[in-house]
Amino acid sequence: MRERLAATRALSRRRVLAVSTMMLPLAATASCSVPDLLRPPPGLSASVRTLRASVTAEQALIGTYQHVIAAYPALAAMLRPFLAQHEDHLAQLKSRLIIPPHVTAPPLPAPSAAAAPAGSARAALSLLERAERAAAASQLERLSTAPPAQAQLYASIAASEATHAVALAALSQKAG
C-alpha cells in the first residue's frame, strides 16, 4: 500500500513539473504580448516625420526663390536676404533631424519643381508672397503635434515667413 501511495505522489510530482515547464513560456508571452526581440524596430516617430516635412517645405521655398532670382536677376539684391534666412531655417531644421541608427528612413524627397514665375517681376514677387504665406500656415499647423523645442522653432520660422510675405507684398506694390 505504501508503494502504491509513493507511486501516486511521484506521478503527481512528474505531472506538476511537466505541466509547469509547458506553462511557463505561455505565461511569459501572455503577460508581455510579443517579446521585444521579436518585434520589428520602430519606424520614424511623429516628431521626426513632422520635422522631415518641414525640411522638405523649406527646401521647396528655397527652390522657388532660386527660380525667381534666376528668372529676374534685377530682383536678386532684394531677394537674397530672404533666401539667406530660409537657408538658415533649413540648417536649423536639419540640425534637429536625428534618426536613430536602427531606423531606416527613406531619403528626403526632392523639392517639387518651383512654379514658373509669371511674365513680370511683380507677378514673381506675388508668387513668392503666396508661397511665404502658405509656408507660414504650414509651420503653424505643425505646432499642435510638435514637442516644445520643435514647436518653438516652427513658430519662429512661421513668424519669419509671415514677415517675408508682408515685405514681399510691399515690394510687389512698388514694382507695379
C-alpha atoms as a PDB file:
ATOM      1  CA  MET A   1       0.000   0.000   0.000  1.00  0.00           C
ATOM      2  CA  ARG A   2       2.862   2.303   0.821  1.00  0.00           C
ATOM      3  CA  GLU A   3       4.416   1.638  -2.551  1.00  0.00           C
ATOM      4  CA  ARG A   4       1.204   2.489  -4.323  1.00  0.00           C
ATOM      5  CA  LEU A   5       0.882   5.761  -2.352  1.00  0.00           C
ATOM      6  CA  ALA A   6       4.507   6.662  -3.145  1.00  0.00           C
ATOM      7  CA  ALA A   7       3.949   5.912  -6.861  1.00  0.00           C
ATOM      8  CA  THR A   8       0.874   8.166  -6.897  1.00  0.00           C
ATOM      9  CA  ARG A   9       2.831  11.025  -5.279  1.00  0.00           C
ATOM     10  CA  ALA A  10       5.739  10.638  -7.721  1.00  0.00           C
ATOM     11  CA  LEU A  11       3.378  10.604 -10.656  1.00  0.00           C
ATOM     12  CA  SER A  12       1.706  13.668  -9.293  1.00  0.00           C
ATOM     13  CA  ARG A  13       5.046  15.476  -8.960  1.00  0.00           C
ATOM     14  CA  ARG A  14       6.012  14.486 -12.507  1.00  0.00           C
ATOM     15  CA  ARG A  15       2.764  15.832 -13.842  1.00  0.00           C
ATOM     16  CA  VAL A  16       3.198  19.085 -11.962  1.00  0.00           C
ATOM     17  CA  LEU A  17       6.739  19.520 -13.282  1.00  0.00           C
ATOM     18  CA  ALA A  18       5.728  18.638 -16.825  1.00  0.00           C
ATOM     19  CA  VAL A  19       2.769  20.989 -16.819  1.00  0.00           C
ATOM     20  CA  SER A  20       4.763  23.833 -15.236  1.00  0.00           C
ATOM     21  CA  THR A  21       7.526  23.622 -17.842  1.00  0.00           C
ATOM     22  CA  MET A  22       4.921  23.841 -20.597  1.00  0.00           C
ATOM     23  CA  MET A  23       3.014  26.661 -18.957  1.00  0.00           C
ATOM     24  CA  LEU A  24       5.983  28.921 -18.156  1.00  0.00           C
ATOM     25  CA  PRO A  25       6.602  30.084 -21.744  1.00  0.00           C
ATOM     26  CA  LEU A  26       2.881  30.568 -22.283  1.00  0.00           C
ATOM     27  CA  ALA A  27       2.573  32.648 -19.149  1.00  0.00           C
ATOM     28  CA  ALA A  28       5.592  34.753 -20.098  1.00  0.00           C
ATOM     29  CA  THR A  29       4.329  35.551 -23.583  1.00  0.00           C
ATOM     30  CA  ALA A  30       0.756  36.097 -22.475  1.00  0.00           C
ATOM     31  CA  SER A  31       1.718  38.754 -19.962  1.00  0.00           C
ATOM     32  CA  CYS A  32       4.063  40.669 -22.253  1.00  0.00           C
ATOM     33  CA  SER A  33       2.479  40.135 -25.668  1.00  0.00           C
ATOM     34  CA  VAL A  34       5.330  39.812 -28.147  1.00  0.00           C
ATOM     35  CA  PRO A  35       8.857  39.789 -26.720  1.00  0.00           C
ATOM     36  CA  ASP A  36      10.866  42.877 -27.724  1.00  0.00           C
ATOM     37  CA  LEU A  37      13.400  40.792 -29.595  1.00  0.00           C
ATOM     38  CA  LEU A  38      10.697  39.570 -31.967  1.00  0.00           C
ATOM     39  CA  ARG A  39       9.204  42.991 -32.692  1.00  0.00           C
ATOM     40  CA  PRO A  40      10.357  44.933 -35.713  1.00  0.00           C
ATOM     41  CA  PRO A  41      12.254  48.119 -34.882  1.00  0.00           C
ATOM     42  CA  PRO A  42      10.014  51.146 -34.535  1.00  0.00           C
ATOM     43  CA  GLY A  43       9.698  53.460 -37.502  1.00  0.00           C
ATOM     44  CA  LEU A  44      10.178  57.188 -37.520  1.00  0.00           C
ATOM     45  CA  SER A  45       8.472  58.985 -34.673  1.00  0.00           C
ATOM     46  CA  ALA A  46       5.740  61.516 -35.373  1.00  0.00           C
ATOM     47  CA  SER A  47       8.032  64.409 -34.459  1.00  0.00           C
ATOM     48  CA  VAL A  48      10.716  63.189 -36.886  1.00  0.00           C
ATOM     49  CA  ARG A  49       8.146  62.800 -39.670  1.00  0.00           C
ATOM     50  CA  THR A  50       6.907  66.332 -38.990  1.00  0.00           C
ATOM     51  CA  LEU A  51      10.453  67.666 -38.963  1.00  0.00           C
ATOM     52  CA  ARG A  52      11.164  65.945 -42.282  1.00  0.00           C
ATOM     53  CA  ALA A  53       8.045  67.557 -43.768  1.00  0.00           C
ATOM     54  CA  SER A  54       9.239  70.942 -42.550  1.00  0.00           C
ATOM     55  CA  VAL A  55      12.676  70.382 -44.102  1.00  0.00           C
ATOM     56  CA  THR A  56      11.070  69.429 -47.418  1.00  0.00           C
ATOM     57  CA  ALA A  57       8.825  72.513 -47.352  1.00  0.00           C
ATOM     58  CA  GLU A  58      11.775  74.792 -46.610  1.00  0.00           C
ATOM     59  CA  GLN A  59      13.743  73.230 -49.474  1.00  0.00           C
ATOM     60  CA  ALA A  60      10.819  73.900 -51.805  1.00  0.00           C
ATOM     61  CA  LEU A  61      10.649  77.536 -50.701  1.00  0.00           C
ATOM     62  CA  ILE A  62      14.390  77.938 -51.289  1.00  0.00           C
ATOM     63  CA  GLY A  63      13.931  76.417 -54.751  1.00  0.00           C
ATOM     64  CA  THR A  64      11.175  78.928 -55.525  1.00  0.00           C
ATOM     65  CA  TYR A  65      13.408  81.831 -54.514  1.00  0.00           C
ATOM     66  CA  GLN A  66      16.280  80.479 -56.608  1.00  0.00           C
ATOM     67  CA  HIS A  67      13.963  80.075 -59.580  1.00  0.00           C
ATOM     68  CA  VAL A  68      12.665  83.657 -59.302  1.00  0.00           C
ATOM     69  CA  ILE A  69      16.186  85.077 -58.867  1.00  0.00           C
ATOM     70  CA  ALA A  70      17.346  83.166 -61.947  1.00  0.00           C
ATOM     71  CA  ALA A  71      14.379  84.441 -63.983  1.00  0.00           C
ATOM     72  CA  TYR A  72      14.612  88.046 -62.695  1.00  0.00           C
ATOM     73  CA  PRO A  73      18.237  88.938 -61.849  1.00  0.00           C
ATOM     74  CA  ALA A  74      17.197  92.535 -61.124  1.00  0.00           C
ATOM     75  CA  LEU A  75      15.342  91.234 -58.033  1.00  0.00           C
ATOM     76  CA  ALA A  76      18.373  89.349 -56.711  1.00  0.00           C
ATOM     77  CA  ALA A  77      19.620  92.125 -54.405  1.00  0.00           C
ATOM     78  CA  MET A  78      16.174  92.414 -52.775  1.00  0.00           C
ATOM     79  CA  LEU A  79      15.533  88.677 -52.507  1.00  0.00           C
ATOM     80  CA  ARG A  80      18.921  87.363 -51.367  1.00  0.00           C
ATOM     81  CA  PRO A  81      18.377  88.374 -47.704  1.00  0.00           C
ATOM     82  CA  PHE A  82      15.108  86.390 -47.670  1.00  0.00           C
ATOM     83  CA  LEU A  83      16.827  83.446 -49.346  1.00  0.00           C
ATOM     84  CA  ALA A  84      19.667  83.575 -46.799  1.00  0.00           C
ATOM     85  CA  GLN A  85      17.155  83.446 -43.940  1.00  0.00           C
ATOM     86  CA  HIS A  86      15.492  80.399 -45.476  1.00  0.00           C
ATOM     87  CA  GLU A  87      18.850  78.713 -45.836  1.00  0.00           C
ATOM     88  CA  ASP A  88      19.424  79.399 -42.123  1.00  0.00           C
ATOM     89  CA  HIS A  89      15.991  77.936 -41.339  1.00  0.00           C
ATOM     90  CA  LEU A  90      16.865  74.833 -43.335  1.00  0.00           C
ATOM     91  CA  ALA A  91      20.165  74.445 -41.481  1.00  0.00           C
ATOM     92  CA  GLN A  92      18.354  74.756 -38.118  1.00  0.00           C
ATOM     93  CA  LEU A  93      15.754  72.189 -39.125  1.00  0.00           C
ATOM     94  CA  LYS A  94      18.321  69.736 -40.452  1.00  0.00           C
ATOM     95  CA  SER A  95      20.434  70.085 -37.304  1.00  0.00           C
ATOM     96  CA  ARG A  96      17.497  68.731 -35.280  1.00  0.00           C
ATOM     97  CA  LEU A  97      16.842  65.837 -37.643  1.00  0.00           C
ATOM     98  CA  ILE A  98      18.358  62.884 -35.817  1.00  0.00           C
ATOM     99  CA  ILE A  99      17.387  59.444 -36.998  1.00  0.00           C
ATOM    100  CA  PRO A 100      18.346  56.507 -34.757  1.00  0.00           C
ATOM    101  CA  PRO A 101      20.753  54.040 -36.355  1.00  0.00           C
ATOM    102  CA  HIS A 102      18.280  51.138 -36.133  1.00  0.00           C
ATOM    103  CA  VAL A 103      15.677  53.025 -38.199  1.00  0.00           C
ATOM    104  CA  THR A 104      15.882  53.001 -41.955  1.00  0.00           C
ATOM    105  CA  ALA A 105      14.441  56.278 -43.127  1.00  0.00           C
ATOM    106  CA  PRO A 106      13.722  56.915 -46.756  1.00  0.00           C
ATOM    107  CA  PRO A 107      15.722  59.791 -48.216  1.00  0.00           C
ATOM    108  CA  LEU A 108      14.140  63.208 -48.002  1.00  0.00           C
ATOM    109  CA  PRO A 109      12.005  63.800 -51.060  1.00  0.00           C
ATOM    110  CA  ALA A 110      13.379  66.212 -53.590  1.00  0.00           C
ATOM    111  CA  PRO A 111      11.556  69.523 -53.515  1.00  0.00           C
ATOM    112  CA  SER A 112       8.891  69.812 -56.148  1.00  0.00           C
ATOM    113  CA  ALA A 113       9.658  71.961 -59.139  1.00  0.00           C
ATOM    114  CA  ALA A 114       9.024  75.611 -58.454  1.00  0.00           C
ATOM    115  CA  ALA A 115       6.175  77.202 -60.311  1.00  0.00           C
ATOM    116  CA  ALA A 116       7.371  79.266 -63.216  1.00  0.00           C
ATOM    117  CA  PRO A 117       7.111  82.924 -62.344  1.00  0.00           C
ATOM    118  CA  ALA A 118       4.663  84.882 -64.464  1.00  0.00           C
ATOM    119  CA  GLY A 119       5.777  87.343 -67.095  1.00  0.00           C
ATOM    120  CA  SER A 120       6.703  90.187 -64.771  1.00  0.00           C
ATOM    121  CA  ALA A 121       8.772  90.943 -61.706  1.00  0.00           C
ATOM    122  CA  ARG A 122       5.614  91.974 -59.881  1.00  0.00           C
ATOM    123  CA  ALA A 123       3.985  88.609 -60.641  1.00  0.00           C
ATOM    124  CA  ALA A 124       7.145  86.825 -59.439  1.00  0.00           C
ATOM    125  CA  LEU A 125       7.039  88.782 -56.171  1.00  0.00           C
ATOM    126  CA  SER A 126       3.367  87.890 -55.770  1.00  0.00           C
ATOM    127  CA  LEU A 127       4.259  84.241 -56.324  1.00  0.00           C
ATOM    128  CA  LEU A 128       6.846  84.445 -53.541  1.00  0.00           C
ATOM    129  CA  GLU A 129       4.376  86.237 -51.268  1.00  0.00           C
ATOM    130  CA  ARG A 130       1.808  83.456 -51.699  1.00  0.00           C
ATOM    131  CA  ALA A 131       4.488  80.818 -51.154  1.00  0.00           C
ATOM    132  CA  GLU A 132       5.594  82.545 -47.925  1.00  0.00           C
ATOM    133  CA  ARG A 133       2.013  82.769 -46.633  1.00  0.00           C
ATOM    134  CA  ALA A 134       1.418  79.095 -47.401  1.00  0.00           C
ATOM    135  CA  ALA A 135       4.710  78.106 -45.748  1.00  0.00           C
ATOM    136  CA  ALA A 136       3.868  80.130 -42.623  1.00  0.00           C
ATOM    137  CA  ALA A 137       0.461  78.458 -42.410  1.00  0.00           C
ATOM    138  CA  SER A 138       2.060  75.006 -42.772  1.00  0.00           C
ATOM    139  CA  GLN A 139       4.534  75.722 -39.984  1.00  0.00           C
ATOM    140  CA  LEU A 140       1.693  76.852 -37.720  1.00  0.00           C
ATOM    141  CA  GLU A 141      -0.221  73.623 -38.418  1.00  0.00           C
ATOM    142  CA  ARG A 142       2.780  71.648 -37.160  1.00  0.00           C
ATOM    143  CA  LEU A 143       2.724  73.357 -33.760  1.00  0.00           C
ATOM    144  CA  SER A 144      -0.044  71.277 -32.221  1.00  0.00           C
ATOM    145  CA  THR A 145       1.784  67.962 -32.554  1.00  0.00           C
ATOM    146  CA  ALA A 146       5.371  69.127 -32.083  1.00  0.00           C
ATOM    147  CA  PRO A 147       7.440  68.725 -28.920  1.00  0.00           C
ATOM    148  CA  PRO A 148       8.107  72.088 -27.202  1.00  0.00           C
ATOM    149  CA  ALA A 149      11.584  72.715 -28.649  1.00  0.00           C
ATOM    150  CA  GLN A 150      10.426  71.938 -32.174  1.00  0.00           C
ATOM    151  CA  ALA A 151       7.253  73.972 -31.713  1.00  0.00           C
ATOM    152  CA  GLN A 152       9.348  76.968 -30.758  1.00  0.00           C
ATOM    153  CA  LEU A 153      11.431  76.584 -33.924  1.00  0.00           C
ATOM    154  CA  TYR A 154       8.331  76.135 -36.107  1.00  0.00           C
ATOM    155  CA  ALA A 155       6.737  79.241 -34.573  1.00  0.00           C
ATOM    156  CA  SER A 156       9.888  81.248 -35.154  1.00  0.00           C
ATOM    157  CA  ILE A 157      10.115  80.144 -38.781  1.00  0.00           C
ATOM    158  CA  ALA A 158       6.396  80.832 -39.305  1.00  0.00           C
ATOM    159  CA  ALA A 159       6.826  84.355 -37.921  1.00  0.00           C
ATOM    160  CA  SER A 160       9.758  84.941 -40.244  1.00  0.00           C
ATOM    161  CA  GLU A 161       7.796  83.662 -43.239  1.00  0.00           C
ATOM    162  CA  ALA A 162       4.802  85.832 -42.355  1.00  0.00           C
ATOM    163  CA  THR A 163       7.117  88.850 -42.145  1.00  0.00           C
ATOM    164  CA  HIS A 164       8.591  87.947 -45.518  1.00  0.00           C
ATOM    165  CA  ALA A 165       5.090  87.800 -47.003  1.00  0.00           C
ATOM    166  CA  VAL A 166       4.315  91.315 -45.769  1.00  0.00           C
ATOM    167  CA  ALA A 167       7.643  92.659 -47.080  1.00  0.00           C
ATOM    168  CA  LEU A 168       7.143  90.939 -50.440  1.00  0.00           C
ATOM    169  CA  ALA A 169       3.656  92.441 -50.740  1.00  0.00           C
ATOM    170  CA  ALA A 170       5.174  95.894 -50.223  1.00  0.00           C
ATOM    171  CA  LEU A 171       7.905  95.204 -52.774  1.00  0.00           C
ATOM    172  CA  SER A 172       5.289  93.945 -55.218  1.00  0.00           C
ATOM    173  CA  GLN A 173       3.335  97.197 -54.877  1.00  0.00           C
ATOM    174  CA  LYS A 174       6.487  99.236 -55.557  1.00  0.00           C
ATOM    175  CA  ALA A 175       7.386  97.071 -58.561  1.00  0.00           C
ATOM    176  CA  GLY A 176       3.967  97.520 -60.134  1.00  0.00           C
END
